[in-house]
Protein backbone atom coordinates (compact mmCIF):
# COMPACT_ATOMS: atom_id res chain seq x y z
CA UNK A 1 -189.64 28.16 83.93
CA UNK A 2 -189.94 31.85 82.98
CA UNK A 3 -190.30 33.26 79.51
CA UNK A 4 -187.33 34.73 77.79
CA UNK A 5 -187.86 38.37 76.99
CA UNK A 6 -185.25 39.45 74.50
CA UNK A 7 -186.51 42.98 73.88
CA UNK A 8 -185.47 45.46 76.52
CA UNK A 9 -188.02 47.66 78.22
CA UNK A 10 -191.49 47.55 79.61
CA UNK A 11 -193.27 46.23 76.50
CA UNK A 12 -191.66 42.77 76.80
CA UNK A 13 -192.59 42.58 80.48
CA UNK A 14 -196.16 43.74 79.77
CA UNK A 15 -196.54 41.19 76.98
CA UNK A 16 -195.28 38.43 79.29
CA UNK A 17 -197.68 39.52 82.04
CA UNK A 18 -200.64 39.55 79.65
CA UNK A 19 -199.86 36.13 78.19
CA UNK A 20 -198.86 34.50 81.47
CA UNK A 21 -202.17 35.38 83.14
CA UNK A 22 -204.23 33.23 80.75
CA UNK A 23 -205.90 30.40 82.68
CA UNK A 24 -205.84 26.83 81.44
CA UNK A 25 -209.33 26.12 80.02
CA UNK A 26 -209.49 22.61 81.53
CA UNK A 27 -207.98 23.48 84.92
CA UNK A 28 -208.79 27.17 85.50
CA UNK A 29 -206.99 27.38 88.85
CA UNK A 30 -203.65 27.45 87.00
CA UNK A 31 -202.32 29.68 84.24
CA UNK A 32 -200.36 28.75 81.14
CA UNK A 33 -197.29 30.09 82.95
CA UNK A 34 -198.01 27.97 86.06
CA UNK A 35 -198.14 24.89 83.84
CA UNK A 36 -194.93 25.84 82.06
CA UNK A 37 -196.54 25.65 78.61
CA UNK A 38 -195.88 29.36 77.95
CA UNK A 39 -192.25 29.01 76.89
CA UNK A 40 -191.42 32.59 75.97
CA UNK A 41 -192.72 35.97 74.96
CA UNK A 42 -190.42 37.95 72.73
CA UNK A 43 -190.88 41.37 71.14
CA UNK A 44 -189.76 41.17 67.49
CA UNK A 45 -190.25 44.26 65.30
CA UNK A 46 -193.21 45.40 67.39
CA UNK A 47 -194.88 41.97 67.42
CA UNK A 48 -195.36 40.02 70.66
CA UNK A 49 -194.33 36.48 69.75
CA UNK A 50 -195.62 33.98 72.31
CA UNK A 51 -194.25 30.46 72.14
CA UNK A 52 -196.32 27.67 73.64
CA UNK A 53 -195.69 23.95 74.07
CA UNK A 54 -198.81 21.80 74.44
CA UNK A 55 -198.92 19.33 77.29
CA UNK A 56 -199.14 16.63 74.63
CA UNK A 57 -199.69 16.69 70.87
CA UNK A 58 -203.29 15.48 71.11
CA UNK A 59 -204.37 17.93 73.81
CA UNK A 60 -207.90 19.07 72.90
CA UNK A 61 -207.35 22.45 74.58
CA UNK A 62 -204.28 23.54 72.59
CA UNK A 63 -206.20 25.67 70.08
CA UNK A 64 -208.29 27.27 72.83
CA UNK A 65 -205.12 28.11 74.78
CA UNK A 66 -203.40 29.64 71.76
CA UNK A 67 -206.49 31.74 70.95
CA UNK A 68 -206.78 32.89 74.57
CA UNK A 69 -203.11 33.97 74.66
CA UNK A 70 -203.56 35.77 71.35
CA UNK A 71 -206.67 37.54 72.70
CA UNK A 72 -204.88 38.51 75.92
CA UNK A 73 -202.02 40.04 73.95
CA UNK A 74 -204.45 41.90 71.67
CA UNK A 75 -206.37 43.21 74.67
CA UNK A 76 -203.10 44.43 76.19
CA UNK A 77 -202.42 46.43 73.02
CA UNK A 78 -199.96 44.14 71.26
CA UNK A 79 -199.86 42.71 67.77
CA UNK A 80 -199.62 39.01 68.65
CA UNK A 81 -198.12 36.01 66.94
CA UNK A 82 -198.44 32.56 68.46
CA UNK A 83 -195.88 29.87 67.73
CA UNK A 84 -196.35 26.26 68.75
CA UNK A 85 -193.09 24.68 69.94
CA UNK A 86 -193.09 20.88 69.94
CA UNK A 87 -189.49 20.25 70.98
CA UNK A 88 -188.44 19.71 73.61
CA UNK A 89 -191.65 18.01 74.63
CA UNK A 90 -193.48 19.40 77.66
CA UNK A 91 -193.07 17.57 80.95
CA UNK A 92 -194.90 17.91 84.26
CA UNK A 93 -191.53 18.90 85.74
CA UNK A 94 -192.16 22.30 84.10
CA UNK A 95 -195.13 23.01 86.38
CA UNK A 96 -194.01 25.76 88.76
CA UNK A 97 -194.03 25.28 92.54
CA UNK A 98 -196.84 27.88 92.64
CA UNK A 99 -198.76 25.89 90.03
CA UNK A 100 -198.38 22.69 92.06
CA UNK A 101 -199.70 24.46 95.15
CA UNK A 102 -202.64 25.91 93.18
CA UNK A 103 -203.53 22.42 91.93
CA UNK A 104 -203.39 21.02 95.47
CA UNK A 105 -205.54 23.87 96.82
CA UNK A 106 -208.04 23.20 94.02
CA UNK A 107 -208.28 19.54 95.08
CA UNK A 108 -206.08 18.02 92.36
CA UNK A 109 -203.02 16.08 93.46
CA UNK A 110 -200.07 17.62 91.61
CA UNK A 111 -197.78 15.29 89.70
CA UNK A 112 -194.76 13.81 91.34
CA UNK A 113 -191.52 14.98 89.72
CA UNK A 114 -190.88 12.78 86.67
CA UNK A 115 -187.26 12.52 87.70
CA UNK A 116 -188.09 11.36 91.22
CA UNK A 117 -191.51 9.68 91.23
CA UNK A 118 -192.32 7.50 94.19
CA UNK A 119 -193.53 4.23 92.74
CA UNK A 120 -194.83 1.21 94.55
CA UNK A 121 -194.75 -2.40 93.40
CA UNK A 122 -196.02 -2.94 89.81
CA UNK A 123 -195.29 0.66 88.79
CA UNK A 124 -198.21 2.28 90.61
CA UNK A 125 -197.52 5.88 91.58
CA UNK A 126 -197.96 6.66 95.26
CA UNK A 127 -200.13 9.78 95.27
CA UNK A 128 -200.72 11.99 98.30
CA UNK A 129 -204.31 13.06 98.93
CA UNK A 130 -204.61 16.83 98.27
CA UNK A 131 -207.19 17.13 101.07
CA UNK A 132 -205.55 15.34 104.01
CA UNK A 133 -202.01 14.56 102.77
CA UNK A 134 -202.28 10.80 103.30
CA UNK A 135 -200.38 8.53 100.90
CA UNK A 136 -202.89 5.77 101.62
CA UNK A 137 -204.66 6.21 98.29
CA UNK A 138 -205.80 4.01 95.45
CA UNK A 139 -206.34 4.58 91.76
CA UNK A 140 -209.97 4.16 90.78
CA UNK A 141 -209.57 4.91 87.06
CA UNK A 142 -206.64 5.64 84.76
CA UNK A 143 -208.64 8.57 83.37
CA UNK A 144 -210.25 11.34 85.38
CA UNK A 145 -212.13 14.41 84.20
CA UNK A 146 -209.51 14.91 81.44
CA UNK A 147 -207.03 12.55 79.77
CA UNK A 148 -204.13 14.12 81.69
CA UNK A 149 -205.64 13.20 85.06
CA UNK A 150 -206.39 9.90 86.81
CA UNK A 151 -209.13 9.37 89.39
CA UNK A 152 -207.96 8.38 92.88
CA UNK A 153 -209.60 7.82 96.25
CA UNK A 154 -208.09 8.47 99.65
CA UNK A 155 -208.35 5.50 102.00
CA UNK A 156 -207.89 7.77 105.03
CA UNK A 157 -210.41 10.58 104.49
CA UNK A 158 -212.39 8.57 101.89
CA UNK A 159 -212.53 11.51 99.45
CA UNK A 160 -212.16 11.03 95.68
CA UNK A 161 -209.74 13.30 93.82
CA UNK A 162 -207.98 13.79 90.50
CA UNK A 163 -204.25 13.21 90.13
CA UNK A 164 -202.45 15.18 87.42
CA UNK A 165 -200.44 12.43 85.71
CA UNK A 166 -196.69 12.64 85.60
CA UNK A 167 -195.34 12.99 82.06
């Protein structure tokens, strides 16, 4: 998902580049653009309006993300305005292919596509180990280092890892 830039010219592109480079404070290997939570950056009467959708309404990082995007736009020379967009609700399907690869490289199993999750008996998600690729894994805890991740263990390489939950 790429931001909509309605103003013609370089300023809209520069504003998008500044905002899209902001890392997620909980998972710094990915940016707000990688996660798909940066919905758009639009130049309106000289103001860079960045629209963000939190991963879920109770996300503890939402204020930090909005402040970081605002600061990035200010640093890039823009007058920023941040708008929180709650509908449609964010889904892990919005994570870019590059974002999924960054998560995997960081050691976090990226979410399966919500529209095509591989589920085993009793609704358990079959998660591939980000280290060795094996699907012989087991969930250790429903919650990992953050509420949006679950803790898994690979039965092949024996390594623990986080799985970014499918929403």
